[in-house]
């Protein structure tokens, strides 16, 4: 199990569902089975996606 707090996990699940179209189960399973490097990579990609979307608008 990785050391992600419950509040951070909820925020990540919400972002994965909203931005990536994942189900809550998919997001929770990804967070549980991923190490911090994998989570950091996905979070960075989300930030880039959001930044790019803001520029396009």
PDB file of N, CA and C in Angstrom:
ATOM      1  N   UNK A   1       0.843  -1.188   0.000  1.00  0.00           N
ATOM      2  CA  UNK A   1       0.000   0.000   0.000  1.00  0.00           C
ATOM      3  C   UNK A   1       0.883   1.243   0.000  1.00  0.00           C
ATOM      4  N   UNK A   2       0.526   2.230  -0.798  1.00  0.00           N
ATOM      5  CA  UNK A   2       1.321   3.450  -0.845  1.00  0.00           C
ATOM      6  C   UNK A   2       0.842   4.440   0.218  1.00  0.00           C
ATOM      7  N   UNK A   3       1.684   5.403   0.555  1.00  0.00           N
ATOM      8  CA  UNK A   3       1.369   6.315   1.666  1.00  0.00           C
ATOM      9  C   UNK A   3       0.518   7.532   1.272  1.00  0.00           C
ATOM     10  N   UNK A   4      -0.486   7.337   0.455  1.00  0.00           N
ATOM     11  CA  UNK A   4      -1.357   8.441   0.049  1.00  0.00           C
ATOM     12  C   UNK A   4      -2.442   8.614   1.108  1.00  0.00           C
ATOM     13  N   UNK A   5      -2.573   9.828   1.611  1.00  0.00           N
ATOM     14  CA  UNK A   5      -3.589  10.092   2.634  1.00  0.00           C
ATOM     15  C   UNK A   5      -4.990   9.961   2.030  1.00  0.00           C
ATOM     16  N   UNK A   6      -5.958   9.772   2.900  1.00  0.00           N
ATOM     17  CA  UNK A   6      -7.344   9.607   2.445  1.00  0.00           C
ATOM     18  C   UNK A   6      -7.846  10.844   1.711  1.00  0.00           C
ATOM     19  N   UNK A   7      -7.487  12.035   2.192  1.00  0.00           N
ATOM     20  CA  UNK A   7      -7.960  13.262   1.537  1.00  0.00           C
ATOM     21  C   UNK A   7      -7.321  13.434   0.158  1.00  0.00           C
ATOM     22  N   UNK A   8      -6.022  13.103   0.049  1.00  0.00           N
ATOM     23  CA  UNK A   8      -5.362  13.197  -1.257  1.00  0.00           C
ATOM     24  C   UNK A   8      -5.926  12.148  -2.208  1.00  0.00           C
ATOM     25  N   UNK A   9      -6.188  10.954  -1.694  1.00  0.00           N
ATOM     26  CA  UNK A   9      -6.747   9.890  -2.533  1.00  0.00           C
ATOM     27  C   UNK A   9      -8.086  10.327  -3.115  1.00  0.00           C
ATOM     28  N   UNK A  10      -8.946  10.955  -2.294  1.00  0.00           N
ATOM     29  CA  UNK A  10     -10.241  11.417  -2.783  1.00  0.00           C
ATOM     30  C   UNK A  10     -10.068  12.457  -3.879  1.00  0.00           C
ATOM     31  N   UNK A  11      -9.143  13.395  -3.690  1.00  0.00           N
ATOM     32  CA  UNK A  11      -8.889  14.423  -4.703  1.00  0.00           C
ATOM     33  C   UNK A  11      -8.378  13.801  -5.993  1.00  0.00           C
ATOM     34  N   UNK A  12      -7.482  12.830  -5.869  1.00  0.00           N
ATOM     35  CA  UNK A  12      -6.956  12.166  -7.062  1.00  0.00           C
ATOM     36  C   UNK A  12      -8.047  11.394  -7.788  1.00  0.00           C
ATOM     37  N   UNK A  13      -8.857  10.675  -7.039  1.00  0.00           N
ATOM     38  CA  UNK A  13      -9.958   9.917  -7.652  1.00  0.00           C
ATOM     39  C   UNK A  13     -10.874  10.874  -8.405  1.00  0.00           C
ATOM     40  N   UNK A  14     -11.231  11.984  -7.782  1.00  0.00           N
ATOM     41  CA  UNK A  14     -12.103  12.966  -8.440  1.00  0.00           C
ATOM     42  C   UNK A  14     -11.480  13.476  -9.739  1.00  0.00           C
ATOM     43  N   UNK A  15     -10.185  13.772  -9.721  1.00  0.00           N
ATOM     44  CA  UNK A  15      -9.505  14.268 -10.920  1.00  0.00           C
ATOM     45  C   UNK A  15      -9.437  13.196 -12.005  1.00  0.00           C
ATOM     46  N   UNK A  16      -9.111  11.955 -11.624  1.00  0.00           N
ATOM     47  CA  UNK A  16      -9.011  10.886 -12.614  1.00  0.00           C
ATOM     48  C   UNK A  16     -10.366  10.635 -13.276  1.00  0.00           C
ATOM     49  N   UNK A  17     -11.431  10.694 -12.485  1.00  0.00           N
ATOM     50  CA  UNK A  17     -12.771  10.492 -13.029  1.00  0.00           C
ATOM     51  C   UNK A  17     -13.137  11.648 -13.960  1.00  0.00           C
ATOM     52  N   UNK A  18     -12.898  12.870 -13.507  1.00  0.00           N
ATOM     53  CA  UNK A  18     -13.282  14.046 -14.286  1.00  0.00           C
ATOM     54  C   UNK A  18     -12.430  14.232 -15.542  1.00  0.00           C
ATOM     55  N   UNK A  19     -11.127  14.134 -15.391  1.00  0.00           N
ATOM     56  CA  UNK A  19     -10.226  14.451 -16.501  1.00  0.00           C
ATOM     57  C   UNK A  19      -9.957  13.275 -17.441  1.00  0.00           C
ATOM     58  N   UNK A  20      -9.931  12.060 -16.892  1.00  0.00           N
ATOM     59  CA  UNK A  20      -9.579  10.898 -17.705  1.00  0.00           C
ATOM     60  C   UNK A  20     -10.768  10.018 -18.069  1.00  0.00           C
ATOM     61  N   UNK A  21     -11.909  10.274 -17.426  1.00  0.00           N
ATOM     62  CA  UNK A  21     -13.092   9.476 -17.726  1.00  0.00           C
ATOM     63  C   UNK A  21     -13.067   8.091 -17.101  1.00  0.00           C
ATOM     64  N   UNK A  22     -12.204   7.897 -16.098  1.00  0.00           N
ATOM     65  CA  UNK A  22     -12.144   6.614 -15.423  1.00  0.00           C
ATOM     66  C   UNK A  22     -13.332   6.465 -14.485  1.00  0.00           C
ATOM     67  N   UNK A  23     -13.665   5.224 -14.152  1.00  0.00           N
ATOM     68  CA  UNK A  23     -14.657   4.994 -13.103  1.00  0.00           C
ATOM     69  C   UNK A  23     -13.972   5.192 -11.756  1.00  0.00           C
ATOM     70  N   UNK A  24     -14.759   5.338 -10.713  1.00  0.00           N
ATOM     71  CA  UNK A  24     -14.198   5.479  -9.365  1.00  0.00           C
ATOM     72  C   UNK A  24     -13.375   4.237  -9.018  1.00  0.00           C
ATOM     73  N   UNK A  25     -13.879   3.063  -9.349  1.00  0.00           N
ATOM     74  CA  UNK A  25     -13.149   1.818  -9.061  1.00  0.00           C
ATOM     75  C   UNK A  25     -11.805   1.778  -9.782  1.00  0.00           C
ATOM     76  N   UNK A  26     -11.798   2.169 -11.061  1.00  0.00           N
ATOM     77  CA  UNK A  26     -10.544   2.195 -11.816  1.00  0.00           C
ATOM     78  C   UNK A  26      -9.536   3.130 -11.169  1.00  0.00           C
ATOM     79  N   UNK A  27      -9.993   4.307 -10.794  1.00  0.00           N
ATOM     80  CA  UNK A  27      -9.105   5.289 -10.184  1.00  0.00           C
ATOM     81  C   UNK A  27      -8.570   4.782  -8.847  1.00  0.00           C
ATOM     82  N   UNK A  28      -9.443   4.259  -8.010  1.00  0.00           N
ATOM     83  CA  UNK A  28      -9.013   3.751  -6.704  1.00  0.00           C
ATOM     84  C   UNK A  28      -8.039   2.587  -6.857  1.00  0.00           C
ATOM     85  N   UNK A  29      -8.318   1.678  -7.781  1.00  0.00           N
ATOM     86  CA  UNK A  29      -7.413   0.543  -8.014  1.00  0.00           C
ATOM     87  C   UNK A  29      -6.051   1.017  -8.508  1.00  0.00           C
ATOM     88  N   UNK A  30      -6.026   1.995  -9.405  1.00  0.00           N
ATOM     89  CA  UNK A  30      -4.764   2.520  -9.908  1.00  0.00           C
ATOM     90  C   UNK A  30      -3.949   3.126  -8.772  1.00  0.00           C
ATOM     91  N   UNK A  31      -4.598   3.913  -7.932  1.00  0.00           N
ATOM     92  CA  UNK A  31      -3.901   4.552  -6.811  1.00  0.00           C
ATOM     93  C   UNK A  31      -3.357   3.503  -5.849  1.00  0.00           C
ATOM     94  N   UNK A  32      -4.139   2.478  -5.569  1.00  0.00           N
ATOM     95  CA  UNK A  32      -3.709   1.434  -4.630  1.00  0.00           C
ATOM     96  C   UNK A  32      -2.526   0.633  -5.151  1.00  0.00           C
ATOM     97  N   UNK A  33      -2.506   0.352  -6.435  1.00  0.00           N
ATOM     98  CA  UNK A  33      -1.449  -0.525  -6.949  1.00  0.00           C
ATOM     99  C   UNK A  33      -0.234   0.231  -7.487  1.00  0.00           C
ATOM    100  N   UNK A  34      -0.306   1.545  -7.550  1.00  0.00           N
ATOM    101  CA  UNK A  34       0.792   2.334  -8.107  1.00  0.00           C
ATOM    102  C   UNK A  34       1.753   2.797  -7.025  1.00  0.00           C
ATOM    103  N   UNK A  35       3.015   2.926  -7.418  1.00  0.00           N
ATOM    104  CA  UNK A  35       3.959   3.534  -6.490  1.00  0.00           C
ATOM    105  C   UNK A  35       3.931   5.051  -6.702  1.00  0.00           C
ATOM    106  N   UNK A  36       4.645   5.761  -5.872  1.00  0.00           N
ATOM    107  CA  UNK A  36       4.585   7.227  -5.932  1.00  0.00           C
ATOM    108  C   UNK A  36       5.111   7.787  -7.246  1.00  0.00           C
ATOM    109  N   UNK A  37       6.067   7.103  -7.875  1.00  0.00           N
ATOM    110  CA  UNK A  37       6.575   7.577  -9.177  1.00  0.00           C
ATOM    111  C   UNK A  37       5.488   7.542 -10.236  1.00  0.00           C
ATOM    112  N   UNK A  38       4.739   6.450 -10.274  1.00  0.00           N
ATOM    113  CA  UNK A  38       3.655   6.334 -11.257  1.00  0.00           C
ATOM    114  C   UNK A  38       2.573   7.378 -11.007  1.00  0.00           C
ATOM    115  N   UNK A  39       2.222   7.574  -9.752  1.00  0.00           N
ATOM    116  CA  UNK A  39       1.219   8.590  -9.426  1.00  0.00           C
ATOM    117  C   UNK A  39       1.713   9.979  -9.813  1.00  0.00           C
ATOM    118  N   UNK A  40       2.971  10.266  -9.526  1.00  0.00           N
ATOM    119  CA  UNK A  40       3.536  11.575  -9.867  1.00  0.00           C
ATOM    120  C   UNK A  40       3.501  11.802 -11.381  1.00  0.00           C
ATOM    121  N   UNK A  41       3.789  10.756 -12.152  1.00  0.00           N
ATOM    122  CA  UNK A  41       3.771  10.879 -13.610  1.00  0.00           C
ATOM    123  C   UNK A  41       2.366  11.198 -14.112  1.00  0.00           C
ATOM    124  N   UNK A  42       1.374  10.467 -13.621  1.00  0.00           N
ATOM    125  CA  UNK A  42      -0.004  10.691 -14.073  1.00  0.00           C
ATOM    126  C   UNK A  42      -0.483  12.084 -13.658  1.00  0.00           C
ATOM    127  N   UNK A  43      -0.143  12.501 -12.447  1.00  0.00           N
ATOM    128  CA  UNK A  43      -0.521  13.844 -11.987  1.00  0.00           C
ATOM    129  C   UNK A  43       0.127  14.912 -12.869  1.00  0.00           C
ATOM    130  N   UNK A  44       1.386  14.725 -13.212  1.00  0.00           N
ATOM    131  CA  UNK A  44       2.071  15.686 -14.091  1.00  0.00           C
ATOM    132  C   UNK A  44       1.406  15.740 -15.466  1.00  0.00           C
ATOM    133  N   UNK A  45       1.014  14.592 -15.996  1.00  0.00           N
ATOM    134  CA  UNK A  45       0.342  14.565 -17.296  1.00  0.00           C
ATOM    135  C   UNK A  45      -1.014  15.266 -17.212  1.00  0.00           C
ATOM    136  N   UNK A  46      -1.727  15.084 -16.115  1.00  0.00           N
ATOM    137  CA  UNK A  46      -3.002  15.789 -15.930  1.00  0.00           C
ATOM    138  C   UNK A  46      -2.782  17.297 -15.899  1.00  0.00           C
ATOM    139  N   UNK A  47      -1.737  17.731 -15.201  1.00  0.00           N
ATOM    140  CA  UNK A  47      -1.454  19.165 -15.124  1.00  0.00           C
ATOM    141  C   UNK A  47      -1.140  19.728 -16.506  1.00  0.00           C
ATOM    142  N   UNK A  48      -0.375  18.994 -17.290  1.00  0.00           N
ATOM    143  CA  UNK A  48      -0.079  19.439 -18.658  1.00  0.00           C
ATOM    144  C   UNK A  48      -1.339  19.490 -19.507  1.00  0.00           C
ATOM    145  N   UNK A  49      -2.190  18.485 -19.367  1.00  0.00           N
ATOM    146  CA  UNK A  49      -3.439  18.444 -20.131  1.00  0.00           C
ATOM    147  C   UNK A  49      -4.318  19.634 -19.765  1.00  0.00           C
ATOM    148  N   UNK A  50      -4.453  19.905 -18.482  1.00  0.00           N
ATOM    149  CA  UNK A  50      -5.279  21.023 -18.030  1.00  0.00           C
ATOM    150  C   UNK A  50      -4.691  22.339 -18.520  1.00  0.00           C
ATOM    151  N   UNK A  51      -3.377  22.489 -18.436  1.00  0.00           N
ATOM    152  CA  UNK A  51      -2.711  23.714 -18.894  1.00  0.00           C
ATOM    153  C   UNK A  51      -2.936  23.904 -20.395  1.00  0.00           C
ATOM    154  N   UNK A  52      -2.805  22.823 -21.169  1.00  0.00           N
ATOM    155  CA  UNK A  52      -3.007  22.902 -22.608  1.00  0.00           C
ATOM    156  C   UNK A  52      -4.452  23.272 -22.936  1.00  0.00           C
ATOM    157  N   UNK A  53      -5.414  22.672 -22.217  1.00  0.00           N
ATOM    158  CA  UNK A  53      -6.830  22.962 -22.457  1.00  0.00           C
ATOM    159  C   UNK A  53      -7.125  24.433 -22.187  1.00  0.00           C
ATOM    160  N   UNK A  54      -6.508  24.987 -21.158  1.00  0.00           N
ATOM    161  CA  UNK A  54      -6.719  26.404 -20.831  1.00  0.00           C
ATOM    162  C   UNK A  54      -6.185  27.305 -21.940  1.00  0.00           C
ATOM    163  N   UNK A  55      -5.067  26.924 -22.527  1.00  0.00           N
ATOM    164  CA  UNK A  55      -4.498  27.738 -23.621  1.00  0.00           C
ATOM    165  C   UNK A  55      -5.351  27.664 -24.877  1.00  0.00           C
ATOM    166  N   UNK A  56      -5.942  26.506 -25.128  1.00  0.00           N
ATOM    167  CA  UNK A  56      -6.761  26.322 -26.324  1.00  0.00           C
ATOM    168  C   UNK A  56      -8.051  27.150 -26.207  1.00  0.00           C
ATOM    169  N   UNK A  57      -8.588  27.222 -25.003  1.00  0.00           N
ATOM    170  CA  UNK A  57      -9.820  27.982 -24.805  1.00  0.00           C
ATOM    171  C   UNK A  57      -9.501  29.439 -24.933  1.00  0.00           C
TER     172      UNK A  57
END
